[in-house]
Amino acid sequence: MFYSAHYVTSEIPGLFGSTAVNLISRGDAFPSALFVVPPLVLVIAGALVAVAGRSESPLSGAVAGASVALGYLPLAVAGAFAFSISVGDSSAGPTLVTAILLAGLVYPLAFGGVGGALGSFASNR
């Protein structure tokens, strides 16, 4: 679910090869509102980092907020391996490259940076 909320597809082996699916956007099992959770959490985390670091400008706040990627990336990489399972001769799990790039780098850099820029306004008061 973590990777699906970041728009990372999961590779699921089938009879005629593997299929890439996003578990949230497929079916009625999970609400689409789950796509909002990672950006929201990362914006809040970026804002908190900027406020704690007393960022004085939106640019310095964005850089501080984007630093949440330093903690987010290793967990996204480890999770991509940890949440893969072997099924016969193949494995099922998040698409590795997309998991690392999208969930590990793009999301925390973009949304953490936005949160940091917003948090800089709060730290100037």
N, C-alpha and C. Protein backbone atom coordinates (compact mmCIF):
# COMPACT_ATOMS: atom_id res chain seq x y z
N MET A 1 0.82 -1.19 0.00
CA MET A 1 0.00 0.00 0.00
C MET A 1 0.87 1.26 0.00
N PHE A 2 1.99 1.22 0.72
CA PHE A 2 2.89 2.36 0.77
C PHE A 2 3.32 2.75 -0.63
N TYR A 3 3.76 1.79 -1.41
CA TYR A 3 4.25 2.07 -2.76
C TYR A 3 3.11 2.44 -3.70
N SER A 4 1.98 1.81 -3.58
CA SER A 4 0.83 2.15 -4.42
C SER A 4 0.38 3.58 -4.16
N ALA A 5 0.47 4.04 -2.92
CA ALA A 5 0.10 5.42 -2.60
C ALA A 5 1.06 6.43 -3.22
N HIS A 6 2.24 5.96 -3.63
CA HIS A 6 3.23 6.80 -4.31
C HIS A 6 3.16 6.60 -5.82
N TYR A 7 2.12 5.95 -6.31
CA TYR A 7 1.93 5.63 -7.73
C TYR A 7 2.99 4.66 -8.26
N VAL A 8 3.56 3.86 -7.40
CA VAL A 8 4.50 2.82 -7.81
C VAL A 8 3.68 1.55 -8.04
N THR A 9 3.86 0.96 -9.21
CA THR A 9 3.14 -0.27 -9.50
C THR A 9 3.84 -1.47 -8.88
N SER A 10 3.09 -2.52 -8.69
CA SER A 10 3.63 -3.77 -8.18
C SER A 10 3.61 -4.79 -9.30
N GLU A 11 4.70 -5.51 -9.44
CA GLU A 11 4.81 -6.57 -10.45
C GLU A 11 4.26 -7.85 -9.84
N ILE A 12 3.25 -8.42 -10.47
CA ILE A 12 2.64 -9.65 -9.99
C ILE A 12 2.77 -10.70 -11.09
N PRO A 13 3.45 -11.81 -10.80
CA PRO A 13 3.61 -12.83 -11.84
C PRO A 13 2.29 -13.51 -12.17
N GLY A 14 2.14 -13.83 -13.43
CA GLY A 14 0.93 -14.51 -13.87
C GLY A 14 1.29 -15.67 -14.78
N LEU A 15 0.30 -16.26 -15.34
CA LEU A 15 0.48 -17.42 -16.21
C LEU A 15 1.26 -17.07 -17.47
N PHE A 16 1.02 -15.88 -18.02
CA PHE A 16 1.67 -15.47 -19.27
C PHE A 16 2.63 -14.31 -19.06
N GLY A 17 3.32 -14.27 -17.96
CA GLY A 17 4.25 -13.19 -17.65
C GLY A 17 3.76 -12.40 -16.45
N SER A 18 4.40 -11.28 -16.20
CA SER A 18 4.02 -10.49 -15.03
C SER A 18 3.14 -9.31 -15.44
N THR A 19 2.36 -8.85 -14.48
CA THR A 19 1.46 -7.73 -14.68
C THR A 19 1.79 -6.65 -13.67
N ALA A 20 1.82 -5.40 -14.13
CA ALA A 20 2.06 -4.27 -13.24
C ALA A 20 0.72 -3.68 -12.83
N VAL A 21 0.47 -3.60 -11.53
CA VAL A 21 -0.80 -3.07 -11.02
C VAL A 21 -0.54 -2.08 -9.89
N ASN A 22 -1.46 -1.15 -9.75
CA ASN A 22 -1.47 -0.27 -8.60
C ASN A 22 -2.64 -0.71 -7.74
N LEU A 23 -2.36 -1.15 -6.55
CA LEU A 23 -3.38 -1.75 -5.70
C LEU A 23 -4.45 -0.78 -5.24
N ILE A 24 -4.14 0.50 -5.17
CA ILE A 24 -5.12 1.48 -4.72
C ILE A 24 -6.07 1.86 -5.87
N SER A 25 -5.52 2.09 -7.05
CA SER A 25 -6.36 2.53 -8.16
C SER A 25 -7.14 1.39 -8.79
N ARG A 26 -6.82 0.17 -8.41
CA ARG A 26 -7.50 -0.98 -9.00
C ARG A 26 -8.56 -1.51 -8.02
N GLY A 27 -9.81 -1.41 -8.41
CA GLY A 27 -10.87 -1.98 -7.60
C GLY A 27 -11.38 -1.06 -6.51
N ASP A 28 -12.26 -1.61 -5.70
CA ASP A 28 -12.91 -0.85 -4.64
C ASP A 28 -12.38 -1.20 -3.25
N ALA A 29 -11.29 -1.94 -3.19
CA ALA A 29 -10.79 -2.41 -1.89
C ALA A 29 -10.22 -1.28 -1.04
N PHE A 30 -9.61 -0.28 -1.67
CA PHE A 30 -8.97 0.80 -0.92
C PHE A 30 -9.45 2.14 -1.45
N PRO A 31 -9.65 3.11 -0.58
CA PRO A 31 -10.11 4.42 -1.04
C PRO A 31 -9.01 5.19 -1.78
N SER A 32 -9.42 5.93 -2.81
CA SER A 32 -8.46 6.73 -3.58
C SER A 32 -7.84 7.84 -2.75
N ALA A 33 -8.45 8.18 -1.64
CA ALA A 33 -7.90 9.22 -0.76
C ALA A 33 -6.53 8.84 -0.21
N LEU A 34 -6.16 7.57 -0.29
CA LEU A 34 -4.83 7.15 0.18
C LEU A 34 -3.71 7.78 -0.64
N PHE A 35 -4.01 8.23 -1.86
CA PHE A 35 -2.99 8.90 -2.67
C PHE A 35 -2.58 10.23 -2.06
N VAL A 36 -3.40 10.81 -1.21
CA VAL A 36 -3.12 12.11 -0.60
C VAL A 36 -2.22 11.97 0.63
N VAL A 37 -2.18 10.80 1.23
CA VAL A 37 -1.46 10.62 2.50
C VAL A 37 0.04 10.90 2.37
N PRO A 38 0.79 10.27 1.43
CA PRO A 38 2.23 10.57 1.38
C PRO A 38 2.56 12.04 1.13
N PRO A 39 1.92 12.71 0.15
CA PRO A 39 2.25 14.14 -0.01
C PRO A 39 1.94 14.97 1.23
N LEU A 40 0.83 14.69 1.86
CA LEU A 40 0.46 15.45 3.06
C LEU A 40 1.46 15.24 4.19
N VAL A 41 1.84 14.00 4.42
CA VAL A 41 2.82 13.70 5.48
C VAL A 41 4.17 14.34 5.16
N LEU A 42 4.57 14.29 3.89
CA LEU A 42 5.87 14.86 3.52
C LEU A 42 5.86 16.39 3.59
N VAL A 43 4.75 17.03 3.24
CA VAL A 43 4.66 18.49 3.38
C VAL A 43 4.76 18.87 4.85
N ILE A 44 4.08 18.14 5.71
CA ILE A 44 4.15 18.42 7.15
C ILE A 44 5.57 18.19 7.67
N ALA A 45 6.19 17.10 7.26
CA ALA A 45 7.56 16.80 7.71
C ALA A 45 8.53 17.88 7.24
N GLY A 46 8.40 18.30 5.98
CA GLY A 46 9.27 19.36 5.45
C GLY A 46 9.07 20.67 6.20
N ALA A 47 7.82 20.98 6.52
CA ALA A 47 7.54 22.21 7.27
C ALA A 47 8.15 22.15 8.67
N LEU A 48 8.03 21.00 9.31
CA LEU A 48 8.60 20.85 10.65
C LEU A 48 10.11 20.99 10.64
N VAL A 49 10.76 20.44 9.62
CA VAL A 49 12.22 20.56 9.51
C VAL A 49 12.61 22.03 9.31
N ALA A 50 11.86 22.73 8.47
CA ALA A 50 12.18 24.15 8.23
C ALA A 50 11.96 24.99 9.48
N VAL A 51 10.89 24.72 10.20
CA VAL A 51 10.61 25.47 11.43
C VAL A 51 11.67 25.16 12.49
N ALA A 52 12.01 23.88 12.63
CA ALA A 52 13.03 23.49 13.62
C ALA A 52 14.39 24.08 13.27
N GLY A 53 14.68 24.20 11.97
CA GLY A 53 15.96 24.78 11.54
C GLY A 53 15.93 26.28 11.43
N ARG A 54 14.78 26.88 11.76
CA ARG A 54 14.60 28.34 11.71
C ARG A 54 15.01 28.92 10.36
N SER A 55 14.48 28.32 9.30
CA SER A 55 14.78 28.79 7.94
C SER A 55 14.26 30.20 7.75
N GLU A 56 15.10 31.05 7.16
CA GLU A 56 14.75 32.46 7.05
C GLU A 56 14.14 32.84 5.71
N SER A 57 14.27 32.00 4.71
CA SER A 57 13.70 32.30 3.40
C SER A 57 13.03 31.05 2.84
N PRO A 58 12.13 31.24 1.90
CA PRO A 58 11.49 30.06 1.30
C PRO A 58 12.49 29.12 0.64
N LEU A 59 13.57 29.67 0.06
CA LEU A 59 14.57 28.82 -0.58
C LEU A 59 15.30 27.97 0.45
N SER A 60 15.72 28.58 1.54
CA SER A 60 16.40 27.80 2.58
C SER A 60 15.44 26.82 3.24
N GLY A 61 14.18 27.21 3.34
CA GLY A 61 13.17 26.30 3.88
C GLY A 61 12.94 25.12 2.96
N ALA A 62 12.92 25.37 1.64
CA ALA A 62 12.73 24.29 0.67
C ALA A 62 13.90 23.31 0.72
N VAL A 63 15.11 23.83 0.84
CA VAL A 63 16.28 22.96 0.93
C VAL A 63 16.22 22.14 2.22
N ALA A 64 15.86 22.78 3.31
CA ALA A 64 15.75 22.07 4.59
C ALA A 64 14.65 21.02 4.52
N GLY A 65 13.51 21.39 3.94
CA GLY A 65 12.39 20.45 3.84
C GLY A 65 12.70 19.27 2.94
N ALA A 66 13.44 19.52 1.86
CA ALA A 66 13.81 18.45 0.95
C ALA A 66 14.77 17.45 1.60
N SER A 67 15.39 17.86 2.69
CA SER A 67 16.32 16.95 3.37
C SER A 67 15.61 15.76 4.00
N VAL A 68 14.28 15.77 4.04
CA VAL A 68 13.58 14.58 4.54
C VAL A 68 13.86 13.38 3.64
N ALA A 69 14.32 13.63 2.42
CA ALA A 69 14.67 12.53 1.50
C ALA A 69 15.84 11.71 2.04
N LEU A 70 16.68 12.31 2.88
CA LEU A 70 17.82 11.58 3.45
C LEU A 70 17.37 10.42 4.33
N GLY A 71 16.24 10.56 4.96
CA GLY A 71 15.70 9.48 5.77
C GLY A 71 14.70 8.63 5.01
N TYR A 72 14.01 9.24 4.07
CA TYR A 72 12.94 8.56 3.32
C TYR A 72 13.51 7.58 2.30
N LEU A 73 14.59 7.96 1.62
CA LEU A 73 15.18 7.12 0.56
C LEU A 73 15.65 5.76 1.06
N PRO A 74 16.45 5.70 2.13
CA PRO A 74 16.89 4.37 2.58
C PRO A 74 15.73 3.47 2.98
N LEU A 75 14.69 4.04 3.58
CA LEU A 75 13.53 3.23 3.97
C LEU A 75 12.76 2.76 2.74
N ALA A 76 12.66 3.60 1.72
CA ALA A 76 11.97 3.20 0.49
C ALA A 76 12.73 2.09 -0.22
N VAL A 77 14.05 2.18 -0.24
CA VAL A 77 14.87 1.13 -0.88
C VAL A 77 14.77 -0.17 -0.08
N ALA A 78 14.92 -0.09 1.22
CA ALA A 78 14.84 -1.30 2.05
C ALA A 78 13.46 -1.94 1.94
N GLY A 79 12.42 -1.12 1.93
CA GLY A 79 11.07 -1.64 1.82
C GLY A 79 10.80 -2.30 0.48
N ALA A 80 11.40 -1.78 -0.59
CA ALA A 80 11.21 -2.38 -1.91
C ALA A 80 11.73 -3.81 -1.93
N PHE A 81 12.79 -4.06 -1.20
CA PHE A 81 13.32 -5.42 -1.11
C PHE A 81 12.56 -6.25 -0.07
N ALA A 82 12.21 -5.62 1.04
CA ALA A 82 11.54 -6.35 2.13
C ALA A 82 10.13 -6.79 1.75
N PHE A 83 9.45 -6.01 0.93
CA PHE A 83 8.07 -6.32 0.59
C PHE A 83 7.93 -7.10 -0.71
N SER A 84 9.01 -7.64 -1.19
CA SER A 84 8.97 -8.53 -2.35
C SER A 84 8.89 -9.97 -1.86
N ILE A 85 8.10 -10.77 -2.54
CA ILE A 85 7.97 -12.17 -2.17
C ILE A 85 8.27 -13.05 -3.37
N SER A 86 8.84 -14.19 -3.11
CA SER A 86 9.13 -15.14 -4.19
C SER A 86 7.92 -16.00 -4.45
N VAL A 87 7.59 -16.13 -5.73
CA VAL A 87 6.49 -16.97 -6.16
C VAL A 87 7.03 -17.88 -7.26
N GLY A 88 7.37 -19.09 -6.88
CA GLY A 88 7.97 -20.00 -7.85
C GLY A 88 9.33 -19.48 -8.30
N ASP A 89 9.49 -19.36 -9.61
CA ASP A 89 10.74 -18.86 -10.18
C ASP A 89 10.78 -17.34 -10.29
N SER A 90 9.69 -16.67 -10.00
CA SER A 90 9.64 -15.22 -10.11
C SER A 90 9.29 -14.60 -8.75
N SER A 91 9.25 -13.28 -8.74
CA SER A 91 8.92 -12.60 -7.48
C SER A 91 7.86 -11.54 -7.72
N ALA A 92 7.11 -11.25 -6.68
CA ALA A 92 6.09 -10.21 -6.72
C ALA A 92 6.47 -9.13 -5.73
N GLY A 93 6.26 -7.89 -6.13
CA GLY A 93 6.58 -6.78 -5.26
C GLY A 93 6.61 -5.48 -6.03
N PRO A 94 6.94 -4.39 -5.37
CA PRO A 94 6.99 -3.10 -6.06
C PRO A 94 8.06 -3.10 -7.14
N THR A 95 7.78 -2.36 -8.21
CA THR A 95 8.75 -2.21 -9.28
C THR A 95 9.95 -1.45 -8.70
N LEU A 96 11.12 -2.08 -8.71
CA LEU A 96 12.28 -1.59 -7.97
C LEU A 96 12.73 -0.18 -8.38
N VAL A 97 12.93 0.05 -9.65
CA VAL A 97 13.43 1.36 -10.09
C VAL A 97 12.42 2.46 -9.78
N THR A 98 11.15 2.20 -10.04
CA THR A 98 10.13 3.20 -9.75
C THR A 98 10.00 3.43 -8.25
N ALA A 99 10.13 2.37 -7.47
CA ALA A 99 10.05 2.52 -6.02
C ALA A 99 11.17 3.42 -5.50
N ILE A 100 12.36 3.23 -6.03
CA ILE A 100 13.49 4.03 -5.57
C ILE A 100 13.37 5.47 -6.05
N LEU A 101 13.12 5.65 -7.35
CA LEU A 101 13.08 7.00 -7.90
C LEU A 101 11.85 7.80 -7.46
N LEU A 102 10.68 7.20 -7.59
CA LEU A 102 9.46 7.94 -7.31
C LEU A 102 9.19 8.05 -5.81
N ALA A 103 9.13 6.90 -5.14
CA ALA A 103 8.81 6.92 -3.70
C ALA A 103 10.00 7.38 -2.87
N GLY A 104 11.21 7.06 -3.29
CA GLY A 104 12.38 7.38 -2.48
C GLY A 104 12.98 8.75 -2.70
N LEU A 105 12.83 9.27 -3.94
CA LEU A 105 13.45 10.57 -4.23
C LEU A 105 12.47 11.66 -4.62
N VAL A 106 11.65 11.41 -5.64
CA VAL A 106 10.80 12.48 -6.18
C VAL A 106 9.81 12.99 -5.14
N TYR A 107 9.09 12.08 -4.51
CA TYR A 107 8.09 12.50 -3.52
C TYR A 107 8.70 13.28 -2.36
N PRO A 108 9.73 12.76 -1.68
CA PRO A 108 10.26 13.53 -0.55
C PRO A 108 10.94 14.83 -0.96
N LEU A 109 11.62 14.84 -2.11
CA LEU A 109 12.26 16.08 -2.54
C LEU A 109 11.21 17.14 -2.89
N ALA A 110 10.19 16.74 -3.64
CA ALA A 110 9.18 17.71 -4.08
C ALA A 110 8.29 18.16 -2.92
N PHE A 111 7.66 17.22 -2.25
CA PHE A 111 6.70 17.59 -1.22
C PHE A 111 7.38 18.07 0.06
N GLY A 112 8.52 17.50 0.40
CA GLY A 112 9.28 17.99 1.54
C GLY A 112 9.77 19.41 1.29
N GLY A 113 10.20 19.67 0.04
CA GLY A 113 10.63 21.02 -0.32
C GLY A 113 9.51 22.04 -0.24
N VAL A 114 8.33 21.67 -0.73
CA VAL A 114 7.17 22.56 -0.65
C VAL A 114 6.82 22.83 0.81
N GLY A 115 6.82 21.79 1.61
CA GLY A 115 6.54 21.96 3.03
C GLY A 115 7.57 22.84 3.72
N GLY A 116 8.83 22.66 3.34
CA GLY A 116 9.88 23.49 3.92
C GLY A 116 9.74 24.95 3.55
N ALA A 117 9.38 25.21 2.29
CA ALA A 117 9.17 26.59 1.86
C ALA A 117 8.00 27.21 2.63
N LEU A 118 6.94 26.45 2.81
CA LEU A 118 5.80 26.95 3.60
C LEU A 118 6.17 27.11 5.06
N GLY A 119 6.96 26.20 5.59
CA GLY A 119 7.38 26.27 6.98
C GLY A 119 8.29 27.44 7.28
N SER A 120 8.99 27.92 6.26
CA SER A 120 9.88 29.08 6.48
C SER A 120 9.08 30.31 6.86
N PHE A 121 7.84 30.42 6.37
CA PHE A 121 7.00 31.55 6.73
C PHE A 121 6.63 31.49 8.20
N ALA A 122 6.39 30.28 8.71
CA ALA A 122 6.04 30.14 10.12
C ALA A 122 7.24 30.37 11.03
N SER A 123 8.44 30.04 10.55
CA SER A 123 9.61 30.22 11.40
C SER A 123 10.08 31.67 11.45
N ASN A 124 9.58 32.50 10.54
CA ASN A 124 9.95 33.92 10.54
C ASN A 124 9.09 34.76 11.46
N ARG A 125 8.10 34.16 12.06
CA ARG A 125 7.20 34.92 12.93
C ARG A 125 7.67 34.91 14.35
